[in-house]
């Protein structure tokens, strides 16, 4: 979380500086026709922090989640609808690592499960922008996505009794976020923050219905936060 807080502070300072420059004097308008093309292309880089939301069958000890910082990279395809609306397709690769902690085990090898996930994400998003103010423009963005988890272990015959934590390969999500487009002399730069929330259960239960690792879990759904820096 400290990395995300550092980014938020830097993000606010950047916005404050841009606003100060904007209203201090009349700016030179950069890339005046940037948003008028029917199709626009770009790419993004960033980082993420994924979590799990658990739903339990009985009121027993919760599964603890130790989160870490992962990274994102992907492409952007944007179709202009009008001055304020754009339809975006942002296929990307998202790597993350989460460690699950269980109570009631004497051995650490049984109490901890490291869950490494590499998601290929396919979101279809609607970007709603405000009117452009000089060389910056705020926006909100949201939509739905499907993700393919390359590290799911869904087809593995082993389960947690052999140290293998299994998840489904495919999950469906909704996403929502906000950001600001900054128009530089040569390209459009857009820092943004976005949340992702899974709609589908991602857990593949152990073969034993009374498994101490999955027996009490009714559903396990991914949720996370992304910080992306886009270049168009």
Protein backbone atom coordinates (compact mmCIF):
# COMPACT_ATOMS: atom_id res chain seq x y z
CA UNK A 1 0.00 0.00 0.00
CA UNK A 2 2.88 2.41 0.65
CA UNK A 3 3.77 2.37 -3.06
CA UNK A 4 0.20 3.23 -3.97
CA UNK A 5 0.20 6.06 -1.40
CA UNK A 6 3.45 7.41 -2.86
CA UNK A 7 1.86 7.36 -6.31
CA UNK A 8 -1.28 9.12 -5.09
CA UNK A 9 0.81 11.88 -3.51
CA UNK A 10 2.85 12.25 -6.70
CA UNK A 11 -0.32 12.14 -8.78
CA UNK A 12 -1.88 14.96 -6.76
CA UNK A 13 1.30 17.04 -7.00
CA UNK A 14 1.35 16.53 -10.76
CA UNK A 15 -2.28 17.59 -11.08
CA UNK A 16 -1.73 20.62 -8.83
CA UNK A 17 1.28 21.68 -10.89
CA UNK A 18 -0.66 21.26 -14.14
CA UNK A 19 -3.60 23.27 -12.83
CA UNK A 20 -1.31 26.02 -11.58
CA UNK A 21 0.39 26.27 -14.96
CA UNK A 22 -2.97 26.13 -16.69
CA UNK A 23 -4.50 29.11 -14.91
CA UNK A 24 -1.34 31.14 -14.43
CA UNK A 25 -1.15 32.07 -18.09
CA UNK A 26 -2.63 31.06 -21.40
CA UNK A 27 -0.88 27.82 -22.40
CA UNK A 28 0.32 26.76 -25.83
CA UNK A 29 -2.12 24.08 -27.02
CA UNK A 30 -0.31 20.79 -27.72
CA UNK A 31 -1.65 18.10 -30.06
CA UNK A 32 -4.75 20.09 -30.86
CA UNK A 33 -6.20 17.40 -33.17
CA UNK A 34 -5.10 14.38 -31.10
CA UNK A 35 -8.63 13.31 -30.11
CA UNK A 36 -10.34 13.97 -33.45
CA UNK A 37 -9.18 10.77 -35.18
CA UNK A 38 -11.73 7.95 -35.35
CA UNK A 39 -9.14 5.41 -34.14
CA UNK A 40 -6.28 5.97 -31.70
CA UNK A 41 -3.57 3.57 -30.53
CA UNK A 42 -1.20 3.38 -27.59
CA UNK A 43 0.24 1.27 -24.82
CA UNK A 44 0.34 1.23 -21.04
CA UNK A 45 2.71 0.29 -18.22
CA UNK A 46 1.95 0.16 -14.53
CA UNK A 47 1.67 -1.82 -11.33
CA UNK A 48 -1.07 -3.57 -9.39
CA UNK A 49 -2.04 -5.01 -6.05
CA UNK A 50 -4.42 -7.98 -6.14
CA UNK A 51 -6.49 -9.36 -3.27
CA UNK A 52 -9.13 -12.04 -2.72
CA UNK A 53 -12.63 -11.65 -1.33
CA UNK A 54 -13.81 -14.83 0.42
CA UNK A 55 -17.34 -16.02 1.12
CA UNK A 56 -17.53 -18.74 3.79
CA UNK A 57 -19.95 -21.55 4.50
CA UNK A 58 -19.48 -21.40 8.28
CA UNK A 59 -18.25 -18.79 10.76
CA UNK A 60 -14.72 -20.11 11.23
CA UNK A 61 -11.28 -18.50 10.96
CA UNK A 62 -10.77 -16.31 7.89
CA UNK A 63 -8.12 -17.02 5.28
CA UNK A 64 -5.45 -14.32 5.51
CA UNK A 65 -4.10 -12.75 2.32
CA UNK A 66 -0.59 -11.29 2.13
CA UNK A 67 -0.58 -9.02 -0.94
CA UNK A 68 2.37 -7.87 -3.02
CA UNK A 69 2.99 -5.40 -5.84
CA UNK A 70 2.79 -6.76 -9.39
CA UNK A 71 3.19 -5.18 -12.80
CA UNK A 72 1.02 -4.49 -15.87
CA UNK A 73 1.79 -4.02 -19.55
CA UNK A 74 -0.54 -3.86 -22.51
CA UNK A 75 -1.90 -2.18 -25.65
CA UNK A 76 -4.69 0.31 -26.24
CA UNK A 77 -7.15 0.57 -29.09
CA UNK A 78 -9.63 3.46 -28.91
CA UNK A 79 -12.66 4.24 -31.09
CA UNK A 80 -14.06 7.77 -30.94
CA UNK A 81 -17.84 7.99 -30.49
CA UNK A 82 -18.09 11.73 -29.94
CA UNK A 83 -16.24 14.53 -28.15
CA UNK A 84 -16.91 13.05 -24.72
CA UNK A 85 -17.23 9.28 -25.30
CA UNK A 86 -14.67 6.73 -26.47
CA UNK A 87 -14.84 2.94 -26.64
CA UNK A 88 -11.57 1.31 -25.58
CA UNK A 89 -10.11 -2.17 -25.85
CA UNK A 90 -7.07 -2.65 -23.60
CA UNK A 91 -5.61 -6.19 -23.77
CA UNK A 92 -2.87 -6.57 -21.20
CA UNK A 93 -0.65 -8.87 -19.17
CA UNK A 94 -0.95 -8.62 -15.36
CA UNK A 95 1.43 -10.46 -13.04
CA UNK A 96 0.71 -10.74 -9.33
CA UNK A 97 1.61 -12.84 -6.29
CA UNK A 98 -0.56 -13.50 -3.22
CA UNK A 99 0.19 -15.66 -0.19
CA UNK A 100 -2.71 -17.28 1.67
CA UNK A 101 -2.37 -18.01 5.38
CA UNK A 102 -4.40 -20.67 7.22
CA UNK A 103 -4.73 -21.16 10.97
CA UNK A 104 -4.68 -24.50 12.75
CA UNK A 105 -1.58 -25.95 11.10
CA UNK A 106 1.63 -26.78 12.94
CA UNK A 107 3.78 -26.79 9.79
CA UNK A 108 4.38 -23.64 7.74
CA UNK A 109 4.32 -25.70 4.56
CA UNK A 110 0.67 -26.54 5.28
CA UNK A 111 -0.32 -23.13 6.67
CA UNK A 112 0.88 -21.08 3.66
CA UNK A 113 -0.05 -21.26 -0.01
CA UNK A 114 1.72 -19.05 -2.51
CA UNK A 115 -0.61 -18.11 -5.37
CA UNK A 116 1.22 -16.78 -8.41
CA UNK A 117 -1.07 -15.55 -11.16
CA UNK A 118 -0.40 -14.26 -14.65
CA UNK A 119 -3.61 -12.85 -16.08
CA UNK A 120 -4.18 -11.99 -19.72
CA UNK A 121 -6.94 -9.41 -19.42
CA UNK A 122 -9.39 -8.41 -22.18
CA UNK A 123 -11.42 -5.36 -21.09
CA UNK A 124 -14.01 -3.49 -23.15
CA UNK A 125 -14.39 -0.05 -21.58
CA UNK A 126 -16.31 3.18 -22.02
CA UNK A 127 -14.25 6.31 -21.40
CA UNK A 128 -16.27 9.40 -20.42
CA UNK A 129 -14.24 12.59 -20.66
CA UNK A 130 -14.82 16.16 -19.58
CA UNK A 131 -14.20 19.04 -21.95
CA UNK A 132 -10.51 19.65 -22.60
CA UNK A 133 -8.96 22.43 -20.48
CA UNK A 134 -5.85 23.64 -22.27
CA UNK A 135 -3.48 20.66 -22.19
CA UNK A 136 -5.30 18.39 -19.76
CA UNK A 137 -8.62 16.57 -19.58
CA UNK A 138 -10.06 14.45 -16.71
CA UNK A 139 -12.06 11.30 -17.37
CA UNK A 140 -13.73 8.31 -15.78
CA UNK A 141 -13.64 4.85 -17.30
CA UNK A 142 -15.51 1.61 -16.70
CA UNK A 143 -16.72 -1.59 -18.26
CA UNK A 144 -16.39 -5.37 -18.25
CA UNK A 145 -13.51 -7.73 -18.84
CA UNK A 146 -12.61 -11.39 -19.17
CA UNK A 147 -9.29 -12.71 -17.83
CA UNK A 148 -7.31 -15.86 -18.60
CA UNK A 149 -5.15 -17.06 -15.69
CA UNK A 150 -2.07 -18.81 -17.08
CA UNK A 151 -1.05 -20.04 -13.59
CA UNK A 152 -4.42 -21.40 -12.50
CA UNK A 153 -3.50 -25.13 -12.08
CA UNK A 154 -7.15 -25.89 -12.90
CA UNK A 155 -6.31 -29.08 -14.81
CA UNK A 156 -3.89 -30.39 -12.18
CA UNK A 157 -4.81 -33.70 -10.54
CA UNK A 158 -2.97 -32.62 -7.39
CA UNK A 159 -4.65 -30.34 -4.84
CA UNK A 160 -3.69 -28.69 -1.54
CA UNK A 161 -2.97 -32.05 0.07
CA UNK A 162 0.00 -32.14 -2.33
CA UNK A 163 0.76 -28.43 -2.00
CA UNK A 164 -1.08 -27.31 -5.18
CA UNK A 165 -3.63 -24.50 -4.94
CA UNK A 166 -6.05 -24.57 -7.87
CA UNK A 167 -8.10 -21.79 -9.49
CA UNK A 168 -10.24 -21.52 -12.61
CA UNK A 169 -8.57 -20.50 -15.85
CA UNK A 170 -11.24 -17.96 -16.83
CA UNK A 171 -12.92 -15.26 -14.77
CA UNK A 172 -15.18 -12.33 -15.54
CA UNK A 173 -14.89 -8.88 -13.99
CA UNK A 174 -16.15 -5.34 -13.94
CA UNK A 175 -13.76 -2.40 -13.80
CA UNK A 176 -14.04 1.27 -12.89
CA UNK A 177 -11.49 4.06 -12.54
CA UNK A 178 -10.47 7.63 -13.28
CA UNK A 179 -7.53 9.49 -14.76
CA UNK A 180 -6.29 12.61 -16.51
CA UNK A 181 -5.06 13.06 -20.07
CA UNK A 182 -2.04 15.36 -20.31
CA UNK A 183 -1.16 16.62 -23.79
CA UNK A 184 2.59 17.06 -24.19
CA UNK A 185 4.35 18.39 -27.25
CA UNK A 186 4.84 14.92 -28.73
CA UNK A 187 2.33 12.50 -27.15
CA UNK A 188 -0.62 12.18 -24.78
CA UNK A 189 0.29 10.89 -21.32
CA UNK A 190 -2.42 9.58 -19.00
CA UNK A 191 -1.92 8.38 -15.41
CA UNK A 192 -4.96 6.53 -14.06
CA UNK A 193 -6.20 4.45 -11.14
CA UNK A 194 -8.63 1.58 -11.65
CA UNK A 195 -10.33 -1.06 -9.52
CA UNK A 196 -11.18 -4.55 -10.76
CA UNK A 197 -13.82 -6.79 -9.16
CA UNK A 198 -14.43 -10.41 -10.21
CA UNK A 199 -17.98 -11.57 -10.85
CA UNK A 200 -17.19 -15.28 -10.95
CA UNK A 201 -15.92 -17.74 -8.34
CA UNK A 202 -12.25 -18.45 -8.97
CA UNK A 203 -11.71 -21.36 -6.57
CA UNK A 204 -11.34 -24.97 -7.67
CA UNK A 205 -12.14 -26.99 -4.50
CA UNK A 206 -9.92 -29.78 -3.27
CA UNK A 207 -10.92 -33.36 -3.98
CA UNK A 208 -11.80 -33.84 -0.30
CA UNK A 209 -15.02 -31.87 0.46
CA UNK A 210 -13.82 -31.45 4.07
CA UNK A 211 -10.43 -30.08 3.04
CA UNK A 212 -9.01 -27.66 5.66
CA UNK A 213 -7.89 -25.40 2.80
CA UNK A 214 -11.05 -25.14 0.69
CA UNK A 215 -13.82 -27.00 2.54
CA UNK A 216 -15.22 -23.88 4.26
CA UNK A 217 -14.86 -21.55 1.26
CA UNK A 218 -18.10 -20.96 -0.62
CA UNK A 219 -16.58 -18.53 -3.13
CA UNK A 220 -13.27 -16.80 -3.75
CA UNK A 221 -13.27 -13.73 -5.99
CA UNK A 222 -10.38 -11.61 -7.17
CA UNK A 223 -10.35 -7.88 -6.56
CA UNK A 224 -7.52 -5.46 -7.08
CA UNK A 225 -6.29 -2.00 -7.89
CA UNK A 226 -4.26 -0.92 -10.92
CA UNK A 227 -2.12 2.15 -11.47
CA UNK A 228 -1.48 2.60 -15.19
CA UNK A 229 0.56 5.07 -17.22
CA UNK A 230 -0.65 5.24 -20.80
CA UNK A 231 1.09 6.73 -23.83
CA UNK A 232 -0.84 7.55 -27.00
